[in-house]
Amino acid sequence: MSKRLKFSIFSLICVLCIGTLFVNLNKDVEKYEKENIQKEIFIIKEYEGKIAVFKNEDSKPTTVYESYISLLPESDRIRIQKGITVDNTNDLQKIIEDYTS
């Protein structure tokens, strides 16, 4: 077998190995990204005496409602002062409706 043929076979094997490695690494990156996408977290808590919604630990609320927590029963006031964490918009909407209607 000539040196040229051996080199061609070796080069082809290297290209195939590198291609396989690249495909597998790309799959791992995609899997990591899917697993580590940050979910939106909403926190319902007091802001200037009113019910407010904060997003992902932001220091300023995304929404402030014209519902004063002082008008709520004590157990609800305490719960809001501590902060109610919600991880989806459906639950967020239900809780806000309960407190603001």
N, C-alpha and C. Protein backbone atom coordinates (compact mmCIF):
# COMPACT_ATOMS: atom_id res chain seq x y z
N MET A 1 0.85 -1.16 0.00
CA MET A 1 0.00 0.00 0.00
C MET A 1 0.91 1.24 0.00
N SER A 2 0.62 2.16 -0.88
CA SER A 2 1.49 3.33 -1.02
C SER A 2 1.28 4.30 0.14
N LYS A 3 2.27 5.14 0.34
CA LYS A 3 2.20 6.15 1.40
C LYS A 3 1.05 7.11 1.13
N ARG A 4 0.83 7.41 -0.13
CA ARG A 4 -0.25 8.34 -0.50
C ARG A 4 -1.61 7.76 -0.12
N LEU A 5 -1.85 6.50 -0.39
CA LEU A 5 -3.11 5.84 -0.06
C LEU A 5 -3.29 5.76 1.45
N LYS A 6 -2.22 5.42 2.16
CA LYS A 6 -2.28 5.37 3.62
C LYS A 6 -2.64 6.75 4.19
N PHE A 7 -2.00 7.78 3.64
CA PHE A 7 -2.27 9.15 4.12
C PHE A 7 -3.73 9.53 3.83
N SER A 8 -4.25 9.16 2.69
CA SER A 8 -5.65 9.46 2.32
C SER A 8 -6.62 8.76 3.27
N ILE A 9 -6.35 7.51 3.55
CA ILE A 9 -7.21 6.75 4.47
C ILE A 9 -7.14 7.36 5.87
N PHE A 10 -5.93 7.68 6.31
CA PHE A 10 -5.76 8.30 7.62
C PHE A 10 -6.51 9.64 7.68
N SER A 11 -6.40 10.45 6.63
CA SER A 11 -7.09 11.75 6.58
C SER A 11 -8.60 11.57 6.63
N LEU A 12 -9.11 10.60 5.90
CA LEU A 12 -10.54 10.33 5.88
C LEU A 12 -11.03 9.91 7.27
N ILE A 13 -10.28 9.07 7.94
CA ILE A 13 -10.64 8.63 9.29
C ILE A 13 -10.64 9.83 10.24
N CYS A 14 -9.65 10.70 10.12
CA CYS A 14 -9.59 11.90 10.98
C CYS A 14 -10.80 12.80 10.74
N VAL A 15 -11.14 13.01 9.49
CA VAL A 15 -12.30 13.87 9.17
C VAL A 15 -13.58 13.26 9.74
N LEU A 16 -13.74 11.97 9.61
CA LEU A 16 -14.94 11.30 10.15
C LEU A 16 -14.98 11.41 11.67
N CYS A 17 -13.85 11.23 12.32
CA CYS A 17 -13.81 11.33 13.79
C CYS A 17 -14.13 12.75 14.25
N ILE A 18 -13.54 13.72 13.60
CA ILE A 18 -13.79 15.11 13.98
C ILE A 18 -15.25 15.47 13.73
N GLY A 19 -15.80 15.02 12.61
CA GLY A 19 -17.21 15.27 12.31
C GLY A 19 -18.13 14.66 13.35
N THR A 20 -17.84 13.42 13.73
CA THR A 20 -18.64 12.74 14.76
C THR A 20 -18.53 13.47 16.09
N LEU A 21 -17.33 13.88 16.44
CA LEU A 21 -17.11 14.63 17.69
C LEU A 21 -17.89 15.94 17.67
N PHE A 22 -17.86 16.66 16.56
CA PHE A 22 -18.58 17.92 16.43
C PHE A 22 -20.08 17.71 16.60
N VAL A 23 -20.64 16.70 15.96
CA VAL A 23 -22.07 16.42 16.06
C VAL A 23 -22.46 16.11 17.50
N ASN A 24 -21.66 15.28 18.17
CA ASN A 24 -21.96 14.93 19.56
C ASN A 24 -21.84 16.13 20.50
N LEU A 25 -20.84 16.96 20.30
CA LEU A 25 -20.69 18.16 21.12
C LEU A 25 -21.85 19.12 20.91
N ASN A 26 -22.30 19.25 19.68
CA ASN A 26 -23.41 20.12 19.37
C ASN A 26 -24.69 19.63 20.06
N LYS A 27 -24.90 18.33 20.07
CA LYS A 27 -26.07 17.76 20.76
C LYS A 27 -25.98 18.05 22.26
N ASP A 28 -24.79 17.93 22.83
CA ASP A 28 -24.61 18.20 24.26
C ASP A 28 -24.90 19.66 24.58
N VAL A 29 -24.46 20.56 23.72
CA VAL A 29 -24.72 21.99 23.94
C VAL A 29 -26.21 22.28 23.89
N GLU A 30 -26.91 21.71 22.90
CA GLU A 30 -28.36 21.90 22.79
C GLU A 30 -29.08 21.36 24.02
N LYS A 31 -28.67 20.21 24.49
CA LYS A 31 -29.28 19.62 25.68
C LYS A 31 -29.04 20.50 26.90
N TYR A 32 -27.83 21.00 27.05
CA TYR A 32 -27.50 21.88 28.18
C TYR A 32 -28.34 23.16 28.13
N GLU A 33 -28.47 23.75 26.95
CA GLU A 33 -29.25 24.97 26.81
C GLU A 33 -30.72 24.75 27.17
N LYS A 34 -31.29 23.64 26.72
CA LYS A 34 -32.69 23.34 27.03
C LYS A 34 -32.89 23.14 28.53
N GLU A 35 -31.95 22.47 29.17
CA GLU A 35 -32.08 22.20 30.61
C GLU A 35 -31.85 23.44 31.46
N ASN A 36 -31.10 24.39 30.95
CA ASN A 36 -30.72 25.54 31.76
C ASN A 36 -31.37 26.85 31.35
N ILE A 37 -32.41 26.76 30.53
CA ILE A 37 -33.15 27.98 30.20
C ILE A 37 -33.83 28.44 31.48
N GLN A 38 -33.57 29.67 31.81
CA GLN A 38 -34.12 30.20 33.06
C GLN A 38 -35.62 30.43 32.92
N LYS A 39 -36.35 29.85 33.84
CA LYS A 39 -37.79 30.08 33.88
C LYS A 39 -38.05 31.45 34.46
N GLU A 40 -39.13 32.04 34.01
CA GLU A 40 -39.53 33.30 34.62
C GLU A 40 -40.16 33.00 35.97
N ILE A 41 -39.72 33.72 36.95
CA ILE A 41 -40.26 33.60 38.29
C ILE A 41 -40.93 34.92 38.63
N PHE A 42 -42.16 34.86 39.11
CA PHE A 42 -42.89 36.05 39.52
C PHE A 42 -43.02 36.03 41.04
N ILE A 43 -42.86 37.19 41.65
CA ILE A 43 -43.03 37.30 43.09
C ILE A 43 -44.06 38.38 43.35
N ILE A 44 -45.11 37.99 44.04
CA ILE A 44 -46.17 38.93 44.42
C ILE A 44 -45.83 39.41 45.82
N LYS A 45 -45.62 40.71 45.95
CA LYS A 45 -45.31 41.25 47.26
C LYS A 45 -45.70 42.72 47.34
N GLU A 46 -45.48 43.27 48.50
CA GLU A 46 -45.86 44.66 48.75
C GLU A 46 -44.87 45.63 48.11
N TYR A 47 -45.43 46.71 47.57
CA TYR A 47 -44.61 47.80 47.06
C TYR A 47 -45.36 49.09 47.35
N GLU A 48 -44.80 49.89 48.20
CA GLU A 48 -45.40 51.16 48.62
C GLU A 48 -46.84 50.97 49.11
N GLY A 49 -47.03 49.89 49.86
CA GLY A 49 -48.33 49.61 50.47
C GLY A 49 -49.33 48.94 49.55
N LYS A 50 -48.94 48.68 48.31
CA LYS A 50 -49.85 48.07 47.33
C LYS A 50 -49.34 46.69 46.91
N ILE A 51 -50.22 45.94 46.28
CA ILE A 51 -49.84 44.63 45.74
C ILE A 51 -49.08 44.87 44.43
N ALA A 52 -47.95 44.21 44.30
CA ALA A 52 -47.13 44.37 43.10
C ALA A 52 -46.56 43.03 42.66
N VAL A 53 -46.18 42.98 41.40
CA VAL A 53 -45.55 41.78 40.84
C VAL A 53 -44.13 42.13 40.41
N PHE A 54 -43.19 41.34 40.89
CA PHE A 54 -41.78 41.48 40.54
C PHE A 54 -41.40 40.27 39.69
N LYS A 55 -40.48 40.46 38.79
CA LYS A 55 -40.09 39.39 37.89
C LYS A 55 -38.61 39.07 38.10
N ASN A 56 -38.32 37.78 38.30
CA ASN A 56 -36.94 37.29 38.38
C ASN A 56 -36.06 38.09 39.33
N GLU A 57 -36.53 38.34 40.52
CA GLU A 57 -35.74 39.02 41.55
C GLU A 57 -35.40 40.48 41.20
N ASP A 58 -36.14 41.10 40.28
CA ASP A 58 -35.91 42.51 39.97
C ASP A 58 -36.21 43.35 41.20
N SER A 59 -35.55 44.49 41.30
CA SER A 59 -35.77 45.36 42.46
C SER A 59 -36.98 46.28 42.27
N LYS A 60 -37.39 46.47 41.03
CA LYS A 60 -38.57 47.28 40.75
C LYS A 60 -39.67 46.39 40.18
N PRO A 61 -40.92 46.65 40.57
CA PRO A 61 -42.01 45.79 40.10
C PRO A 61 -42.31 46.00 38.62
N THR A 62 -42.82 44.95 38.01
CA THR A 62 -43.28 45.07 36.63
C THR A 62 -44.69 45.63 36.59
N THR A 63 -45.48 45.35 37.65
CA THR A 63 -46.85 45.83 37.74
C THR A 63 -47.17 46.17 39.19
N VAL A 64 -47.84 47.30 39.38
CA VAL A 64 -48.32 47.69 40.71
C VAL A 64 -49.83 47.86 40.59
N TYR A 65 -50.57 47.20 41.48
CA TYR A 65 -52.03 47.26 41.45
C TYR A 65 -52.53 48.29 42.46
N GLU A 66 -53.68 48.83 42.19
CA GLU A 66 -54.28 49.83 43.09
C GLU A 66 -55.04 49.15 44.23
N SER A 67 -54.48 48.09 44.74
CA SER A 67 -55.06 47.34 45.85
C SER A 67 -54.11 47.43 47.03
N TYR A 68 -54.54 48.10 48.08
CA TYR A 68 -53.70 48.28 49.26
C TYR A 68 -53.75 47.03 50.12
N ILE A 69 -52.58 46.58 50.56
CA ILE A 69 -52.55 45.36 51.37
C ILE A 69 -53.14 45.61 52.76
N SER A 70 -53.22 46.85 53.18
CA SER A 70 -53.80 47.16 54.49
C SER A 70 -55.28 46.79 54.55
N LEU A 71 -55.92 46.63 53.40
CA LEU A 71 -57.34 46.27 53.35
C LEU A 71 -57.56 44.76 53.36
N LEU A 72 -56.49 44.00 53.29
CA LEU A 72 -56.60 42.54 53.27
C LEU A 72 -56.59 41.98 54.69
N PRO A 73 -57.12 40.76 54.85
CA PRO A 73 -57.00 40.09 56.16
C PRO A 73 -55.52 39.93 56.54
N GLU A 74 -55.27 39.85 57.82
CA GLU A 74 -53.89 39.81 58.32
C GLU A 74 -53.08 38.66 57.72
N SER A 75 -53.68 37.49 57.61
CA SER A 75 -52.93 36.34 57.07
C SER A 75 -52.50 36.60 55.62
N ASP A 76 -53.34 37.25 54.84
CA ASP A 76 -52.98 37.58 53.46
C ASP A 76 -51.91 38.67 53.42
N ARG A 77 -52.01 39.65 54.30
CA ARG A 77 -50.99 40.70 54.37
C ARG A 77 -49.62 40.10 54.66
N ILE A 78 -49.57 39.21 55.64
CA ILE A 78 -48.30 38.57 56.02
C ILE A 78 -47.74 37.78 54.84
N ARG A 79 -48.61 37.05 54.18
CA ARG A 79 -48.18 36.24 53.03
C ARG A 79 -47.59 37.12 51.93
N ILE A 80 -48.23 38.23 51.64
CA ILE A 80 -47.74 39.14 50.60
C ILE A 80 -46.46 39.84 51.05
N GLN A 81 -46.38 40.20 52.31
CA GLN A 81 -45.16 40.84 52.80
C GLN A 81 -43.95 39.91 52.68
N LYS A 82 -44.18 38.62 52.90
CA LYS A 82 -43.09 37.64 52.75
C LYS A 82 -42.78 37.40 51.28
N GLY A 83 -43.78 37.53 50.44
CA GLY A 83 -43.63 37.30 49.00
C GLY A 83 -44.18 35.95 48.59
N ILE A 84 -44.98 35.97 47.56
CA ILE A 84 -45.57 34.74 47.02
C ILE A 84 -44.90 34.47 45.69
N THR A 85 -44.19 33.35 45.61
CA THR A 85 -43.46 33.01 44.39
C THR A 85 -44.33 32.14 43.49
N VAL A 86 -44.36 32.51 42.21
CA VAL A 86 -45.17 31.80 41.21
C VAL A 86 -44.30 31.60 39.97
N ASP A 87 -44.43 30.43 39.33
CA ASP A 87 -43.56 30.17 38.17
C ASP A 87 -44.29 30.10 36.83
N ASN A 88 -45.57 30.51 36.83
CA ASN A 88 -46.27 30.57 35.54
C ASN A 88 -47.35 31.64 35.57
N THR A 89 -47.69 32.13 34.41
CA THR A 89 -48.61 33.27 34.31
C THR A 89 -50.04 32.91 34.69
N ASN A 90 -50.44 31.65 34.52
CA ASN A 90 -51.80 31.25 34.89
C ASN A 90 -52.01 31.36 36.40
N ASP A 91 -51.07 30.82 37.17
CA ASP A 91 -51.17 30.91 38.63
C ASP A 91 -51.05 32.35 39.08
N LEU A 92 -50.18 33.11 38.44
CA LEU A 92 -50.02 34.52 38.77
C LEU A 92 -51.35 35.25 38.61
N GLN A 93 -52.00 35.04 37.49
CA GLN A 93 -53.26 35.72 37.21
C GLN A 93 -54.34 35.34 38.24
N LYS A 94 -54.41 34.07 38.60
CA LYS A 94 -55.40 33.62 39.58
C LYS A 94 -55.19 34.29 40.94
N ILE A 95 -53.94 34.32 41.37
CA ILE A 95 -53.64 34.91 42.69
C ILE A 95 -53.92 36.41 42.67
N ILE A 96 -53.52 37.08 41.61
CA ILE A 96 -53.78 38.52 41.50
C ILE A 96 -55.28 38.79 41.51
N GLU A 97 -56.04 37.99 40.80
CA GLU A 97 -57.50 38.17 40.79
C GLU A 97 -58.08 37.98 42.19
N ASP A 98 -57.58 37.00 42.92
CA ASP A 98 -58.06 36.77 44.28
C ASP A 98 -57.82 37.98 45.18
N TYR A 99 -56.66 38.60 45.05
CA TYR A 99 -56.31 39.70 45.92
C TYR A 99 -56.82 41.07 45.47
N THR A 100 -57.11 41.21 44.19
CA THR A 100 -57.49 42.53 43.69
C THR A 100 -58.97 42.68 43.38
N SER A 101 -59.74 41.63 43.47
CA SER A 101 -61.17 41.75 43.15
C SER A 101 -62.03 41.92 44.38
